[in-house]
């Protein structure tokens, strides 16, 4: 099988897995099993557009750009589903809050994505802009980690594991494509895999206990 054909297979698999994760996540919201963090999902919606635009500008190949596209679509769907649920709650005078409440300062982190997109528009440096947009996402994940650690029932681990598998497939697509931009493109799937995995693990008490012990040790030290 030609390297590019293999890359398309991995990229398409990443797309399907990522969309599946979002469909599962949306279902959990409707069931009331998931209460997503407002700040994280709003920032991810803005960031997803910047990251797809800058990543796709690197080489314009479906095999590697498929997952960023799925992310943009999926984040938009989750954001709209949550907003619809919240509006319905308000109209029916219910007390339910679909979103996990966030600190206002969390929203300031959108500035990082705006800055990265501005750099891309002004210089055309797609790879550098993508690194900035992706790298600063660690700060947008902080509200999600915090609320999942404190209220693990707000999240379900399986969509997050599916997204981890999608990022692994995206990395394989990047490797199979053998593009001259492989180094620049590898950062996206590796970094996001490392950000998503803790959310899934924080849903389990054994992992939260390990985190608690580590934090306690660091405070004592």
Foldseek 3Di string as FASTA:
>chain_A
DALLVLLQVLQVLLLVLLLVLLVVVLVCLVVVQAQAAPLLLVLQLLLLVLLLVLLCLVPVDSSQSSNSVSSNVSSVVSNVSQVVVQVVCVVVVHPDRSHDYDDPVSNVLSVQLVVLSVCCVVPVNSLVSNCSSQVSSLSSLVVLLVCCLVPVSNDAQVSLVSNLSSLVSSLSSLVSVPDPCSVSSNCNSVSVSVSSVSSSVSSDPVVSVVVVVVVVVVVVD
